[in-house]
């Protein structure tokens, strides 16, 4: 059976990860926003699973050392020729 994942599910998970990692590093939203050169509202929107640009999501991922994992996941899935594609 297929597991259905929605865009909203992914946005919420990204937001939860951002919030958790930010708190582990004892950073406020404003601290993270300043480091990434974005607004604290942008960080709030990401953490709440609201719309954010890919660029801002990747900035957050890079700050928390997640880019390599994201790239490996993409490469693994794109190299698997047995995956079913609907596109």
C-alpha atoms as a PDB file:
ATOM      1  CA  UNK A   1       0.000   0.000   0.000  1.00  0.00           C
ATOM      2  CA  UNK A   2       1.129   3.545  -0.679  1.00  0.00           C
ATOM      3  CA  UNK A   3       1.951   5.922   2.133  1.00  0.00           C
ATOM      4  CA  UNK A   4       0.481   9.311   1.345  1.00  0.00           C
ATOM      5  CA  UNK A   5       2.587  12.301   2.333  1.00  0.00           C
ATOM      6  CA  UNK A   6       1.297  15.785   1.758  1.00  0.00           C
ATOM      7  CA  UNK A   7       3.188  19.027   1.280  1.00  0.00           C
ATOM      8  CA  UNK A   8       1.663  20.232   4.551  1.00  0.00           C
ATOM      9  CA  UNK A   9       3.052  17.138   6.354  1.00  0.00           C
ATOM     10  CA  UNK A  10       6.542  17.976   5.121  1.00  0.00           C
ATOM     11  CA  UNK A  11       6.220  21.667   6.042  1.00  0.00           C
ATOM     12  CA  UNK A  12       5.147  20.734   9.567  1.00  0.00           C
ATOM     13  CA  UNK A  13       8.049  18.272   9.989  1.00  0.00           C
ATOM     14  CA  UNK A  14      10.549  20.845   8.735  1.00  0.00           C
ATOM     15  CA  UNK A  15       9.105  23.380  11.167  1.00  0.00           C
ATOM     16  CA  UNK A  16       9.287  20.959  14.082  1.00  0.00           C
ATOM     17  CA  UNK A  17      12.903  20.130  13.259  1.00  0.00           C
ATOM     18  CA  UNK A  18      13.831  23.806  12.992  1.00  0.00           C
ATOM     19  CA  UNK A  19      12.221  24.633  16.332  1.00  0.00           C
ATOM     20  CA  UNK A  20      13.771  21.662  18.109  1.00  0.00           C
ATOM     21  CA  UNK A  21      17.275  22.296  16.769  1.00  0.00           C
ATOM     22  CA  UNK A  22      17.008  26.012  17.521  1.00  0.00           C
ATOM     23  CA  UNK A  23      16.011  25.317  21.124  1.00  0.00           C
ATOM     24  CA  UNK A  24      18.755  22.692  21.557  1.00  0.00           C
ATOM     25  CA  UNK A  25      21.244  25.395  20.591  1.00  0.00           C
ATOM     26  CA  UNK A  26      19.510  27.790  22.996  1.00  0.00           C
ATOM     27  CA  UNK A  27      18.722  30.270  20.248  1.00  0.00           C
ATOM     28  CA  UNK A  28      15.740  32.574  20.049  1.00  0.00           C
ATOM     29  CA  UNK A  29      13.919  33.005  16.763  1.00  0.00           C
ATOM     30  CA  UNK A  30      15.501  36.416  16.490  1.00  0.00           C
ATOM     31  CA  UNK A  31      19.002  34.947  17.052  1.00  0.00           C
ATOM     32  CA  UNK A  32      18.489  32.445  14.240  1.00  0.00           C
ATOM     33  CA  UNK A  33      16.960  35.084  11.980  1.00  0.00           C
ATOM     34  CA  UNK A  34      19.956  37.360  12.496  1.00  0.00           C
ATOM     35  CA  UNK A  35      22.440  34.589  11.726  1.00  0.00           C
ATOM     36  CA  UNK A  36      20.571  33.673   8.535  1.00  0.00           C
ATOM     37  CA  UNK A  37      19.832  37.267   7.518  1.00  0.00           C
ATOM     38  CA  UNK A  38      16.074  36.720   7.423  1.00  0.00           C
ATOM     39  CA  UNK A  39      13.249  38.108   9.528  1.00  0.00           C
ATOM     40  CA  UNK A  40      12.104  36.512  12.765  1.00  0.00           C
ATOM     41  CA  UNK A  41       8.681  36.264  11.097  1.00  0.00           C
ATOM     42  CA  UNK A  42      10.277  34.033   8.440  1.00  0.00           C
ATOM     43  CA  UNK A  43      11.603  31.722  11.170  1.00  0.00           C
ATOM     44  CA  UNK A  44       8.205  31.753  12.875  1.00  0.00           C
ATOM     45  CA  UNK A  45       6.483  30.846   9.601  1.00  0.00           C
ATOM     46  CA  UNK A  46       8.903  27.976   8.968  1.00  0.00           C
ATOM     47  CA  UNK A  47       8.417  26.646  12.501  1.00  0.00           C
ATOM     48  CA  UNK A  48       4.631  26.871  12.143  1.00  0.00           C
ATOM     49  CA  UNK A  49       4.623  24.946   8.865  1.00  0.00           C
ATOM     50  CA  UNK A  50       3.573  27.948   6.829  1.00  0.00           C
ATOM     51  CA  UNK A  51       4.856  28.871   3.389  1.00  0.00           C
ATOM     52  CA  UNK A  52       8.552  29.605   3.117  1.00  0.00           C
ATOM     53  CA  UNK A  53      10.908  29.884   0.200  1.00  0.00           C
ATOM     54  CA  UNK A  54      13.134  26.960  -0.638  1.00  0.00           C
ATOM     55  CA  UNK A  55      16.101  29.282  -0.218  1.00  0.00           C
ATOM     56  CA  UNK A  56      15.127  30.061   3.390  1.00  0.00           C
ATOM     57  CA  UNK A  57      14.467  26.415   4.211  1.00  0.00           C
ATOM     58  CA  UNK A  58      17.880  25.490   2.822  1.00  0.00           C
ATOM     59  CA  UNK A  59      19.494  28.291   4.850  1.00  0.00           C
ATOM     60  CA  UNK A  60      18.006  26.759   7.994  1.00  0.00           C
ATOM     61  CA  UNK A  61      19.051  23.253   6.929  1.00  0.00           C
ATOM     62  CA  UNK A  62      22.578  24.458   6.220  1.00  0.00           C
ATOM     63  CA  UNK A  63      22.823  26.229   9.575  1.00  0.00           C
ATOM     64  CA  UNK A  64      21.902  23.026  11.400  1.00  0.00           C
ATOM     65  CA  UNK A  65      24.164  20.818   9.271  1.00  0.00           C
ATOM     66  CA  UNK A  66      21.376  19.012   7.421  1.00  0.00           C
ATOM     67  CA  UNK A  67      22.253  19.761   3.783  1.00  0.00           C
ATOM     68  CA  UNK A  68      24.375  16.641   3.341  1.00  0.00           C
ATOM     69  CA  UNK A  69      21.560  14.408   4.628  1.00  0.00           C
ATOM     70  CA  UNK A  70      19.051  16.085   2.334  1.00  0.00           C
ATOM     71  CA  UNK A  71      21.337  15.677  -0.667  1.00  0.00           C
ATOM     72  CA  UNK A  72      22.005  12.000   0.145  1.00  0.00           C
ATOM     73  CA  UNK A  73      18.258  11.360   0.416  1.00  0.00           C
ATOM     74  CA  UNK A  74      17.633  12.983  -2.951  1.00  0.00           C
ATOM     75  CA  UNK A  75      20.487  11.103  -4.609  1.00  0.00           C
ATOM     76  CA  UNK A  76      19.356   7.785  -3.131  1.00  0.00           C
ATOM     77  CA  UNK A  77      15.806   8.241  -4.374  1.00  0.00           C
ATOM     78  CA  UNK A  78      16.763   9.559  -7.794  1.00  0.00           C
ATOM     79  CA  UNK A  79      19.202   6.699  -8.427  1.00  0.00           C
ATOM     80  CA  UNK A  80      16.674   3.973  -7.557  1.00  0.00           C
ATOM     81  CA  UNK A  81      15.273   3.034 -10.972  1.00  0.00           C
ATOM     82  CA  UNK A  82      12.704   0.660  -9.457  1.00  0.00           C
ATOM     83  CA  UNK A  83      10.684   3.420  -7.801  1.00  0.00           C
ATOM     84  CA  UNK A  84       7.204   3.965  -9.135  1.00  0.00           C
ATOM     85  CA  UNK A  85       6.775   7.432 -10.582  1.00  0.00           C
ATOM     86  CA  UNK A  86       3.497   9.139 -11.313  1.00  0.00           C
ATOM     87  CA  UNK A  87       5.179  11.816 -13.422  1.00  0.00           C
END
